[in-house]
PDB file of N, CA and C in Angstrom:
ATOM      1  N   UNK A   1     197.939  -3.945 -57.198  1.00  0.00           N
ATOM      2  CA  UNK A   1     197.721  -2.867 -56.268  1.00  0.00           C
ATOM      3  C   UNK A   1     196.901  -3.325 -55.070  1.00  0.00           C
ATOM      4  N   UNK A   2     195.969  -4.219 -55.282  1.00  0.00           N
ATOM      5  CA  UNK A   2     195.152  -4.708 -54.191  1.00  0.00           C
ATOM      6  C   UNK A   2     195.990  -5.503 -53.192  1.00  0.00           C
ATOM      7  N   UNK A   3     196.967  -6.262 -53.675  1.00  0.00           N
ATOM      8  CA  UNK A   3     197.825  -7.049 -52.795  1.00  0.00           C
ATOM      9  C   UNK A   3     198.644  -6.125 -51.897  1.00  0.00           C
ATOM     10  N   UNK A   4     199.145  -5.046 -52.451  1.00  0.00           N
ATOM     11  CA  UNK A   4     199.926  -4.084 -51.682  1.00  0.00           C
ATOM     12  C   UNK A   4     199.067  -3.462 -50.575  1.00  0.00           C
ATOM     13  N   UNK A   5     197.832  -3.109 -50.868  1.00  0.00           N
ATOM     14  CA  UNK A   5     196.923  -2.539 -49.871  1.00  0.00           C
ATOM     15  C   UNK A   5     196.589  -3.556 -48.793  1.00  0.00           C
ATOM     16  N   UNK A   6     196.418  -4.811 -49.188  1.00  0.00           N
ATOM     17  CA  UNK A   6     196.121  -5.874 -48.226  1.00  0.00           C
ATOM     18  C   UNK A   6     197.300  -6.085 -47.274  1.00  0.00           C
ATOM     19  N   UNK A   7     198.518  -6.059 -47.787  1.00  0.00           N
ATOM     20  CA  UNK A   7     199.710  -6.229 -46.953  1.00  0.00           C
ATOM     21  C   UNK A   7     199.843  -5.047 -45.989  1.00  0.00           C
ATOM     22  N   UNK A   8     199.603  -3.843 -46.459  1.00  0.00           N
ATOM     23  CA  UNK A   8     199.679  -2.661 -45.589  1.00  0.00           C
ATOM     24  C   UNK A   8     198.629  -2.710 -44.490  1.00  0.00           C
ATOM     25  N   UNK A   9     197.420  -3.094 -44.841  1.00  0.00           N
ATOM     26  CA  UNK A   9     196.349  -3.183 -43.844  1.00  0.00           C
ATOM     27  C   UNK A   9     196.652  -4.249 -42.807  1.00  0.00           C
ATOM     28  N   UNK A  10     197.199  -5.393 -43.244  1.00  0.00           N
ATOM     29  CA  UNK A  10     197.562  -6.462 -42.313  1.00  0.00           C
ATOM     30  C   UNK A  10     198.682  -6.019 -41.388  1.00  0.00           C
ATOM     31  N   UNK A  11     199.687  -5.360 -41.932  1.00  0.00           N
ATOM     32  CA  UNK A  11     200.802  -4.883 -41.102  1.00  0.00           C
ATOM     33  C   UNK A  11     200.311  -3.861 -40.086  1.00  0.00           C
ATOM     34  N   UNK A  12     199.445  -2.946 -40.512  1.00  0.00           N
ATOM     35  CA  UNK A  12     198.902  -1.947 -39.601  1.00  0.00           C
ATOM     36  C   UNK A  12     198.078  -2.602 -38.501  1.00  0.00           C
ATOM     37  N   UNK A  13     197.292  -3.602 -38.844  1.00  0.00           N
ATOM     38  CA  UNK A  13     196.495  -4.316 -37.849  1.00  0.00           C
ATOM     39  C   UNK A  13     197.386  -5.039 -36.843  1.00  0.00           C
ATOM     40  N   UNK A  14     198.469  -5.643 -37.313  1.00  0.00           N
ATOM     41  CA  UNK A  14     199.388  -6.327 -36.401  1.00  0.00           C
ATOM     42  C   UNK A  14     200.081  -5.351 -35.455  1.00  0.00           C
ATOM     43  N   UNK A  15     200.481  -4.225 -35.982  1.00  0.00           N
ATOM     44  CA  UNK A  15     201.127  -3.209 -35.138  1.00  0.00           C
ATOM     45  C   UNK A  15     200.152  -2.695 -34.088  1.00  0.00           C
ATOM     46  N   UNK A  16     198.931  -2.429 -34.491  1.00  0.00           N
ATOM     47  CA  UNK A  16     197.921  -1.932 -33.555  1.00  0.00           C
ATOM     48  C   UNK A  16     197.597  -2.975 -32.497  1.00  0.00           C
ATOM     49  N   UNK A  17     197.500  -4.230 -32.908  1.00  0.00           N
ATOM     50  CA  UNK A  17     197.166  -5.301 -31.963  1.00  0.00           C
ATOM     51  C   UNK A  17     198.266  -5.485 -30.932  1.00  0.00           C
ATOM     52  N   UNK A  18     199.503  -5.457 -31.334  1.00  0.00           N
ATOM     53  CA  UNK A  18     200.586  -5.628 -30.367  1.00  0.00           C
ATOM     54  C   UNK A  18     200.740  -4.408 -29.490  1.00  0.00           C
ATOM     55  N   UNK A  19     200.453  -3.245 -29.996  1.00  0.00           N
ATOM     56  CA  UNK A  19     200.549  -2.030 -29.194  1.00  0.00           C
ATOM     57  C   UNK A  19     199.495  -1.961 -28.118  1.00  0.00           C
ATOM     58  N   UNK A  20     198.315  -2.474 -28.392  1.00  0.00           N
ATOM     59  CA  UNK A  20     197.231  -2.423 -27.426  1.00  0.00           C
ATOM     60  C   UNK A  20     197.225  -3.606 -26.479  1.00  0.00           C
ATOM     61  N   UNK A  21     198.020  -4.632 -26.761  1.00  0.00           N
ATOM     62  CA  UNK A  21     197.973  -5.818 -25.918  1.00  0.00           C
ATOM     63  C   UNK A  21     199.156  -5.919 -24.964  1.00  0.00           C
ATOM     64  N   UNK A  22     199.994  -4.878 -24.893  1.00  0.00           N
ATOM     65  CA  UNK A  22     201.105  -4.943 -23.963  1.00  0.00           C
ATOM     66  C   UNK A  22     200.581  -4.842 -22.544  1.00  0.00           C
ATOM     67  N   UNK A  23     201.123  -5.654 -21.630  1.00  0.00           N
ATOM     68  CA  UNK A  23     200.612  -5.642 -20.261  1.00  0.00           C
ATOM     69  C   UNK A  23     200.973  -4.351 -19.535  1.00  0.00           C
ATOM     70  N   UNK A  24     200.112  -3.963 -18.636  1.00  0.00           N
ATOM     71  CA  UNK A  24     200.352  -2.786 -17.813  1.00  0.00           C
ATOM     72  C   UNK A  24     201.236  -3.216 -16.649  1.00  0.00           C
ATOM     73  N   UNK A  25     202.275  -2.472 -16.380  1.00  0.00           N
ATOM     74  CA  UNK A  25     203.181  -2.794 -15.292  1.00  0.00           C
ATOM     75  C   UNK A  25     202.568  -2.349 -13.964  1.00  0.00           C
ATOM     76  N   UNK A  26     202.575  -3.245 -13.003  1.00  0.00           N
ATOM     77  CA  UNK A  26     202.077  -2.904 -11.679  1.00  0.00           C
ATOM     78  C   UNK A  26     203.125  -2.067 -10.955  1.00  0.00           C
ATOM     79  N   UNK A  27     202.673  -1.150 -10.163  1.00  0.00           N
ATOM     80  CA  UNK A  27     203.579  -0.319  -9.403  1.00  0.00           C
ATOM     81  C   UNK A  27     203.529  -0.728  -7.941  1.00  0.00           C
ATOM     82  N   UNK A  28     204.684  -0.751  -7.308  1.00  0.00           N
ATOM     83  CA  UNK A  28     204.732  -1.057  -5.888  1.00  0.00           C
ATOM     84  C   UNK A  28     204.130   0.116  -5.122  1.00  0.00           C
ATOM     85  N   UNK A  29     203.389  -0.183  -4.064  1.00  0.00           N
ATOM     86  CA  UNK A  29     202.804   0.911  -3.298  1.00  0.00           C
ATOM     87  C   UNK A  29     203.878   1.699  -2.548  1.00  0.00           C
ATOM     88  N   UNK A  30     203.536   2.874  -2.201  1.00  0.00           N
ATOM     89  CA  UNK A  30     204.398   3.752  -1.431  1.00  0.00           C
ATOM     90  C   UNK A  30     204.727   3.093  -0.082  1.00  0.00           C
ATOM     91  N   UNK A  31     205.977   3.113   0.363  1.00  0.00           N
ATOM     92  CA  UNK A  31     206.326   2.505   1.646  1.00  0.00           C
ATOM     93  C   UNK A  31     205.542   3.097   2.811  1.00  0.00           C
ATOM     94  N   UNK A  32     205.203   4.385   2.727  1.00  0.00           N
ATOM     95  CA  UNK A  32     204.449   5.011   3.812  1.00  0.00           C
ATOM     96  C   UNK A  32     203.011   4.490   3.874  1.00  0.00           C
ATOM     97  N   UNK A  33     202.389   4.296   2.715  1.00  0.00           N
ATOM     98  CA  UNK A  33     201.032   3.746   2.726  1.00  0.00           C
ATOM     99  C   UNK A  33     201.050   2.302   3.219  1.00  0.00           C
ATOM    100  N   UNK A  34     202.104   1.554   2.857  1.00  0.00           N
ATOM    101  CA  UNK A  34     202.225   0.190   3.354  1.00  0.00           C
ATOM    102  C   UNK A  34     202.379   0.196   4.875  1.00  0.00           C
ATOM    103  N   UNK A  35     203.212   1.092   5.383  1.00  0.00           N
ATOM    104  CA  UNK A  35     203.428   1.198   6.831  1.00  0.00           C
ATOM    105  C   UNK A  35     202.122   1.545   7.549  1.00  0.00           C
ATOM    106  N   UNK A  36     201.406   2.559   7.039  1.00  0.00           N
ATOM    107  CA  UNK A  36     200.161   2.980   7.685  1.00  0.00           C
ATOM    108  C   UNK A  36     199.099   1.890   7.664  1.00  0.00           C
ATOM    109  N   UNK A  37     198.975   1.208   6.544  1.00  0.00           N
ATOM    110  CA  UNK A  37     197.971   0.146   6.443  1.00  0.00           C
ATOM    111  C   UNK A  37     198.325  -1.044   7.327  1.00  0.00           C
ATOM    112  N   UNK A  38     199.603  -1.397   7.376  1.00  0.00           N
ATOM    113  CA  UNK A  38     200.008  -2.510   8.238  1.00  0.00           C
ATOM    114  C   UNK A  38     199.895  -2.125   9.712  1.00  0.00           C
ATOM    115  N   UNK A  39     200.096  -0.859  10.033  1.00  0.00           N
ATOM    116  CA  UNK A  39     199.878  -0.397  11.402  1.00  0.00           C
ATOM    117  C   UNK A  39     198.404  -0.573  11.766  1.00  0.00           C
ATOM    118  N   UNK A  40     197.519  -0.280  10.828  1.00  0.00           N
ATOM    119  CA  UNK A  40     196.098  -0.498  11.059  1.00  0.00           C
ATOM    120  C   UNK A  40     195.772  -1.965  11.253  1.00  0.00           C
ATOM    121  N   UNK A  41     196.439  -2.831  10.489  1.00  0.00           N
ATOM    122  CA  UNK A  41     196.227  -4.277  10.645  1.00  0.00           C
ATOM    123  C   UNK A  41     196.715  -4.757  12.011  1.00  0.00           C
ATOM    124  N   UNK A  42     197.706  -4.084  12.562  1.00  0.00           N
ATOM    125  CA  UNK A  42     198.278  -4.477  13.850  1.00  0.00           C
ATOM    126  C   UNK A  42     197.590  -3.791  15.024  1.00  0.00           C
ATOM    127  N   UNK A  43     196.508  -3.066  14.764  1.00  0.00           N
ATOM    128  CA  UNK A  43     195.747  -2.436  15.828  1.00  0.00           C
ATOM    129  C   UNK A  43     196.258  -1.065  16.234  1.00  0.00           C
ATOM    130  N   UNK A  44     197.143  -0.471  15.464  1.00  0.00           N
ATOM    131  CA  UNK A  44     197.707   0.834  15.788  1.00  0.00           C
ATOM    132  C   UNK A  44     197.133   1.941  14.914  1.00  0.00           C
ATOM    133  N   UNK A  45     196.005   1.717  14.311  1.00  0.00           N
ATOM    134  CA  UNK A  45     195.399   2.710  13.437  1.00  0.00           C
ATOM    135  C   UNK A  45     194.206   2.094  12.753  1.00  0.00           C
ATOM    136  N   UNK A  46     193.846   2.639  11.623  1.00  0.00           N
ATOM    137  CA  UNK A  46     192.720   2.113  10.866  1.00  0.00           C
ATOM    138  C   UNK A  46     193.183   1.720   9.475  1.00  0.00           C
ATOM    139  N   UNK A  47     192.528   0.732   8.932  1.00  0.00           N
ATOM    140  CA  UNK A  47     192.805   0.354   7.543  1.00  0.00           C
ATOM    141  C   UNK A  47     191.473   0.105   6.860  1.00  0.00           C
ATOM    142  N   UNK A  48     191.312   0.720   5.704  1.00  0.00           N
ATOM    143  CA  UNK A  48     190.075   0.608   4.950  1.00  0.00           C
ATOM    144  C   UNK A  48     190.304  -0.097   3.634  1.00  0.00           C
ATOM    145  N   UNK A  49     189.355   0.022   2.721  1.00  0.00           N
ATOM    146  CA  UNK A  49     189.470  -0.642   1.421  1.00  0.00           C
ATOM    147  C   UNK A  49     190.671  -0.168   0.611  1.00  0.00           C
ATOM    148  N   UNK A  50     191.115   1.067   0.850  1.00  0.00           N
ATOM    149  CA  UNK A  50     192.275   1.571   0.115  1.00  0.00           C
ATOM    150  C   UNK A  50     193.568   0.874   0.532  1.00  0.00           C
ATOM    151  N   UNK A  51     193.510   0.092   1.596  1.00  0.00           N
ATOM    152  CA  UNK A  51     194.695  -0.616   2.080  1.00  0.00           C
ATOM    153  C   UNK A  51     194.866  -2.000   1.453  1.00  0.00           C
ATOM    154  N   UNK A  52     193.947  -2.411   0.610  1.00  0.00           N
ATOM    155  CA  UNK A  52     194.036  -3.755   0.026  1.00  0.00           C
ATOM    156  C   UNK A  52     195.336  -3.949  -0.755  1.00  0.00           C
ATOM    157  N   UNK A  53     195.695  -2.998  -1.607  1.00  0.00           N
ATOM    158  CA  UNK A  53     196.908  -3.134  -2.414  1.00  0.00           C
ATOM    159  C   UNK A  53     198.179  -3.052  -1.573  1.00  0.00           C
ATOM    160  N   UNK A  54     198.318  -2.096  -0.646  1.00  0.00           N
ATOM    161  CA  UNK A  54     199.534  -2.070   0.171  1.00  0.00           C
ATOM    162  C   UNK A  54     199.698  -3.313   1.044  1.00  0.00           C
ATOM    163  N   UNK A  55     198.598  -3.834   1.593  1.00  0.00           N
ATOM    164  CA  UNK A  55     198.687  -5.037   2.424  1.00  0.00           C
ATOM    165  C   UNK A  55     199.070  -6.242   1.569  1.00  0.00           C
ATOM    166  N   UNK A  56     198.486  -6.346   0.388  1.00  0.00           N
ATOM    167  CA  UNK A  56     198.844  -7.447  -0.514  1.00  0.00           C
ATOM    168  C   UNK A  56     200.310  -7.344  -0.928  1.00  0.00           C
ATOM    169  N   UNK A  57     200.778  -6.126  -1.190  1.00  0.00           N
ATOM    170  CA  UNK A  57     202.182  -5.944  -1.576  1.00  0.00           C
ATOM    171  C   UNK A  57     203.112  -6.310  -0.429  1.00  0.00           C
ATOM    172  N   UNK A  58     202.710  -6.011   0.808  1.00  0.00           N
ATOM    173  CA  UNK A  58     203.514  -6.390   1.972  1.00  0.00           C
ATOM    174  C   UNK A  58     203.706  -7.898   2.008  1.00  0.00           C
ATOM    175  N   UNK A  59     202.617  -8.630   1.791  1.00  0.00           N
ATOM    176  CA  UNK A  59     202.689 -10.091   1.837  1.00  0.00           C
ATOM    177  C   UNK A  59     203.366 -10.688   0.610  1.00  0.00           C
ATOM    178  N   UNK A  60     203.473  -9.899  -0.457  1.00  0.00           N
ATOM    179  CA  UNK A  60     204.176 -10.381  -1.646  1.00  0.00           C
ATOM    180  C   UNK A  60     205.695 -10.310  -1.478  1.00  0.00           C
ATOM    181  N   UNK A  61     206.161  -9.534  -0.537  1.00  0.00           N
ATOM    182  CA  UNK A  61     207.606  -9.477  -0.270  1.00  0.00           C
ATOM    183  C   UNK A  61     207.968 -10.750   0.477  1.00  0.00           C
ATOM    184  N   UNK A  62     208.632 -11.645  -0.219  1.00  0.00           N
ATOM    185  CA  UNK A  62     209.020 -12.931   0.358  1.00  0.00           C
ATOM    186  C   UNK A  62     210.414 -13.289  -0.117  1.00  0.00           C
ATOM    187  N   UNK A  63     211.173 -13.938   0.753  1.00  0.00           N
ATOM    188  CA  UNK A  63     212.504 -14.399   0.398  1.00  0.00           C
ATOM    189  C   UNK A  63     212.489 -15.921   0.425  1.00  0.00           C
ATOM    190  N   UNK A  64     212.880 -16.506  -0.687  1.00  0.00           N
ATOM    191  CA  UNK A  64     212.964 -17.955  -0.827  1.00  0.00           C
ATOM    192  C   UNK A  64     214.412 -18.303  -1.158  1.00  0.00           C
ATOM    193  N   UNK A  65     214.994 -19.238  -0.393  1.00  0.00           N
ATOM    194  CA  UNK A  65     216.400 -19.544  -0.608  1.00  0.00           C
ATOM    195  C   UNK A  65     216.755 -21.007  -0.342  1.00  0.00           C
ATOM    196  N   UNK A  66     216.367 -22.008  -1.015  1.00  0.00           N
ATOM    197  CA  UNK A  66     215.267 -22.155  -1.966  1.00  0.00           C
ATOM    198  C   UNK A  66     213.921 -22.319  -1.266  1.00  0.00           C
ATOM    199  N   UNK A  67     213.893 -22.522   0.042  1.00  0.00           N
ATOM    200  CA  UNK A  67     212.639 -22.601   0.780  1.00  0.00           C
ATOM    201  C   UNK A  67     212.339 -21.242   1.386  1.00  0.00           C
ATOM    202  N   UNK A  68     211.123 -21.114   1.863  1.00  0.00           N
ATOM    203  CA  UNK A  68     210.718 -19.849   2.468  1.00  0.00           C
ATOM    204  C   UNK A  68     211.628 -19.538   3.651  1.00  0.00           C
ATOM    205  N   UNK A  69     212.181 -18.334   3.679  1.00  0.00           N
ATOM    206  CA  UNK A  69     213.124 -17.904   4.714  1.00  0.00           C
ATOM    207  C   UNK A  69     212.447 -16.813   5.559  1.00  0.00           C
ATOM    208  N   UNK A  70     211.816 -17.180   6.698  1.00  0.00           N
ATOM    209  CA  UNK A  70     211.090 -16.197   7.510  1.00  0.00           C
ATOM    210  C   UNK A  70     211.941 -15.024   8.001  1.00  0.00           C
ATOM    211  N   UNK A  71     213.158 -15.247   8.563  1.00  0.00           N
ATOM    212  CA  UNK A  71     213.921 -14.086   9.035  1.00  0.00           C
ATOM    213  C   UNK A  71     214.310 -13.122   7.903  1.00  0.00           C
ATOM    214  N   UNK A  72     214.699 -13.647   6.765  1.00  0.00           N
ATOM    215  CA  UNK A  72     215.068 -12.787   5.635  1.00  0.00           C
ATOM    216  C   UNK A  72     213.840 -12.065   5.088  1.00  0.00           C
ATOM    217  N   UNK A  73     212.690 -12.728   5.097  1.00  0.00           N
ATOM    218  CA  UNK A  73     211.447 -12.094   4.653  1.00  0.00           C
ATOM    219  C   UNK A  73     211.083 -10.939   5.575  1.00  0.00           C
ATOM    220  N   UNK A  74     211.168 -11.165   6.885  1.00  0.00           N
ATOM    221  CA  UNK A  74     210.857 -10.102   7.843  1.00  0.00           C
ATOM    222  C   UNK A  74     211.792  -8.915   7.645  1.00  0.00           C
ATOM    223  N   UNK A  75     213.072  -9.191   7.417  1.00  0.00           N
ATOM    224  CA  UNK A  75     214.041  -8.107   7.209  1.00  0.00           C
ATOM    225  C   UNK A  75     213.744  -7.348   5.911  1.00  0.00           C
ATOM    226  N   UNK A  76     213.391  -8.066   4.843  1.00  0.00           N
ATOM    227  CA  UNK A  76     213.078  -7.414   3.566  1.00  0.00           C
ATOM    228  C   UNK A  76     211.835  -6.538   3.696  1.00  0.00           C
ATOM    229  N   UNK A  77     210.832  -7.032   4.398  1.00  0.00           N
ATOM    230  CA  UNK A  77     209.612  -6.244   4.592  1.00  0.00           C
ATOM    231  C   UNK A  77     209.894  -4.992   5.419  1.00  0.00           C
ATOM    232  N   UNK A  78     210.685  -5.162   6.478  1.00  0.00           N
ATOM    233  CA  UNK A  78     211.027  -4.019   7.320  1.00  0.00           C
ATOM    234  C   UNK A  78     211.856  -3.010   6.535  1.00  0.00           C
ATOM    235  N   UNK A  79     212.819  -3.480   5.780  1.00  0.00           N
ATOM    236  CA  UNK A  79     213.656  -2.562   5.001  1.00  0.00           C
ATOM    237  C   UNK A  79     212.837  -1.773   3.997  1.00  0.00           C
ATOM    238  N   UNK A  80     211.835  -2.420   3.387  1.00  0.00           N
ATOM    239  CA  UNK A  80     210.997  -1.696   2.427  1.00  0.00           C
ATOM    240  C   UNK A  80     210.224  -0.584   3.128  1.00  0.00           C
ATOM    241  N   UNK A  81     209.630  -0.889   4.280  1.00  0.00           N
ATOM    242  CA  UNK A  81     208.846   0.125   4.989  1.00  0.00           C
ATOM    243  C   UNK A  81     209.733   1.206   5.604  1.00  0.00           C
ATOM    244  N   UNK A  82     211.002   0.888   5.876  1.00  0.00           N
ATOM    245  CA  UNK A  82     211.922   1.874   6.437  1.00  0.00           C
ATOM    246  C   UNK A  82     212.244   2.980   5.427  1.00  0.00           C
ATOM    247  N   UNK A  83     211.920   2.757   4.158  1.00  0.00           N
ATOM    248  CA  UNK A  83     212.115   3.805   3.153  1.00  0.00           C
ATOM    249  C   UNK A  83     211.166   4.977   3.381  1.00  0.00           C
ATOM    250  N   UNK A  84     210.160   4.759   4.197  1.00  0.00           N
ATOM    251  CA  UNK A  84     209.244   5.849   4.564  1.00  0.00           C
ATOM    252  C   UNK A  84     209.924   6.701   5.639  1.00  0.00           C
ATOM    253  N   UNK A  85     210.041   8.004   5.410  1.00  0.00           N
ATOM    254  CA  UNK A  85     210.662   8.847   6.432  1.00  0.00           C
ATOM    255  C   UNK A  85     209.901   8.763   7.757  1.00  0.00           C
ATOM    256  N   UNK A  86     210.615   8.686   8.831  1.00  0.00           N
ATOM    257  CA  UNK A  86     210.064   8.642  10.197  1.00  0.00           C
ATOM    258  C   UNK A  86     209.337   7.346  10.537  1.00  0.00           C
ATOM    259  N   UNK A  87     209.471   6.310   9.722  1.00  0.00           N
ATOM    260  CA  UNK A  87     208.805   5.047  10.036  1.00  0.00           C
ATOM    261  C   UNK A  87     209.427   4.364  11.246  1.00  0.00           C
ATOM    262  N   UNK A  88     210.660   4.669  11.542  1.00  0.00           N
ATOM    263  CA  UNK A  88     211.327   4.030  12.675  1.00  0.00           C
ATOM    264  C   UNK A  88     211.786   5.056  13.704  1.00  0.00           C
ATOM    265  N   UNK A  89     211.089   6.182  13.789  1.00  0.00           N
ATOM    266  CA  UNK A  89     211.456   7.232  14.723  1.00  0.00           C
ATOM    267  C   UNK A  89     210.408   7.312  15.826  1.00  0.00           C
ATOM    268  N   UNK A  90     210.845   7.411  17.052  1.00  0.00           N
ATOM    269  CA  UNK A  90     209.943   7.577  18.187  1.00  0.00           C
ATOM    270  C   UNK A  90     208.983   6.403  18.353  1.00  0.00           C
ATOM    271  N   UNK A  91     207.713   6.727  18.541  1.00  0.00           N
ATOM    272  CA  UNK A  91     206.721   5.666  18.750  1.00  0.00           C
ATOM    273  C   UNK A  91     206.505   4.835  17.491  1.00  0.00           C
ATOM    274  N   UNK A  92     206.860   5.376  16.344  1.00  0.00           N
ATOM    275  CA  UNK A  92     206.719   4.617  15.101  1.00  0.00           C
ATOM    276  C   UNK A  92     207.622   3.385  15.098  1.00  0.00           C
ATOM    277  N   UNK A  93     208.759   3.452  15.808  1.00  0.00           N
ATOM    278  CA  UNK A  93     209.661   2.301  15.883  1.00  0.00           C
ATOM    279  C   UNK A  93     208.979   1.137  16.598  1.00  0.00           C
ATOM    280  N   UNK A  94     208.223   1.438  17.641  1.00  0.00           N
ATOM    281  CA  UNK A  94     207.496   0.379  18.355  1.00  0.00           C
ATOM    282  C   UNK A  94     206.395  -0.202  17.480  1.00  0.00           C
ATOM    283  N   UNK A  95     205.750   0.631  16.700  1.00  0.00           N
ATOM    284  CA  UNK A  95     204.719   0.151  15.777  1.00  0.00           C
ATOM    285  C   UNK A  95     205.346  -0.724  14.703  1.00  0.00           C
ATOM    286  N   UNK A  96     206.504  -0.305  14.187  1.00  0.00           N
ATOM    287  CA  UNK A  96     207.222  -1.107  13.184  1.00  0.00           C
ATOM    288  C   UNK A  96     207.579  -2.469  13.758  1.00  0.00           C
ATOM    289  N   UNK A  97     208.077  -2.490  14.994  1.00  0.00           N
ATOM    290  CA  UNK A  97     208.432  -3.760  15.635  1.00  0.00           C
ATOM    291  C   UNK A  97     207.207  -4.648  15.799  1.00  0.00           C
ATOM    292  N   UNK A  98     206.074  -4.043  16.127  1.00  0.00           N
ATOM    293  CA  UNK A  98     204.829  -4.802  16.271  1.00  0.00           C
ATOM    294  C   UNK A  98     204.369  -5.381  14.933  1.00  0.00           C
ATOM    295  N   UNK A  99     204.483  -4.593  13.878  1.00  0.00           N
ATOM    296  CA  UNK A  99     204.104  -5.069  12.543  1.00  0.00           C
ATOM    297  C   UNK A  99     204.954  -6.266  12.149  1.00  0.00           C
ATOM    298  N   UNK A 100     206.257  -6.134  12.318  1.00  0.00           N
ATOM    299  CA  UNK A 100     207.167  -7.205  11.923  1.00  0.00           C
ATOM    300  C   UNK A 100     206.978  -8.438  12.799  1.00  0.00           C
ATOM    301  N   UNK A 101     206.777  -8.241  14.100  1.00  0.00           N
ATOM    302  CA  UNK A 101     206.569  -9.383  14.991  1.00  0.00           C
ATOM    303  C   UNK A 101     205.288 -10.139  14.658  1.00  0.00           C
ATOM    304  N   UNK A 102     204.253  -9.413  14.266  1.00  0.00           N
ATOM    305  CA  UNK A 102     202.964 -10.041  13.971  1.00  0.00           C
ATOM    306  C   UNK A 102     202.894 -10.602  12.565  1.00  0.00           C
ATOM    307  N   UNK A 103     203.344  -9.840  11.579  1.00  0.00           N
ATOM    308  CA  UNK A 103     203.133 -10.204  10.180  1.00  0.00           C
ATOM    309  C   UNK A 103     204.411 -10.455   9.391  1.00  0.00           C
ATOM    310  N   UNK A 104     205.559 -10.106   9.933  1.00  0.00           N
ATOM    311  CA  UNK A 104     206.787 -10.143   9.160  1.00  0.00           C
ATOM    312  C   UNK A 104     207.288 -11.523   8.765  1.00  0.00           C
ATOM    313  N   UNK A 105     207.003 -12.515   9.576  1.00  0.00           N
ATOM    314  CA  UNK A 105     207.576 -13.836   9.357  1.00  0.00           C
ATOM    315  C   UNK A 105     206.656 -14.801   8.625  1.00  0.00           C
ATOM    316  N   UNK A 106     205.463 -14.360   8.248  1.00  0.00           N
ATOM    317  CA  UNK A 106     204.505 -15.240   7.589  1.00  0.00           C
ATOM    318  C   UNK A 106     204.610 -15.139   6.072  1.00  0.00           C
ATOM    319  N   UNK A 107     204.408 -16.247   5.380  1.00  0.00           N
ATOM    320  CA  UNK A 107     204.461 -16.174   3.908  1.00  0.00           C
ATOM    321  C   UNK A 107     203.284 -15.429   3.317  1.00  0.00           C
TER     322      UNK A 107
END
């Protein structure tokens, strides 16, 4: 009977350990927050500490084919931010162009 209890306790401990050790999935920031924070980086607004994650996510968008591809990276970054409604409408289009011209082609 003791062996059966030991096996059950070990199995329960293994299940609990694997359940608590699963990695947390990171979420991509909202395209609008990325747009606003990058606009602040480009001098078209303000960016504070809350912009650290959206700015880092912007720079994480990179296209490698097999080397770094600046034009494809700029297009991928722009396409992601274009998912924000009105990001390319009116004066926002000029801000988008400024963001991409300044930061879009860098790794």
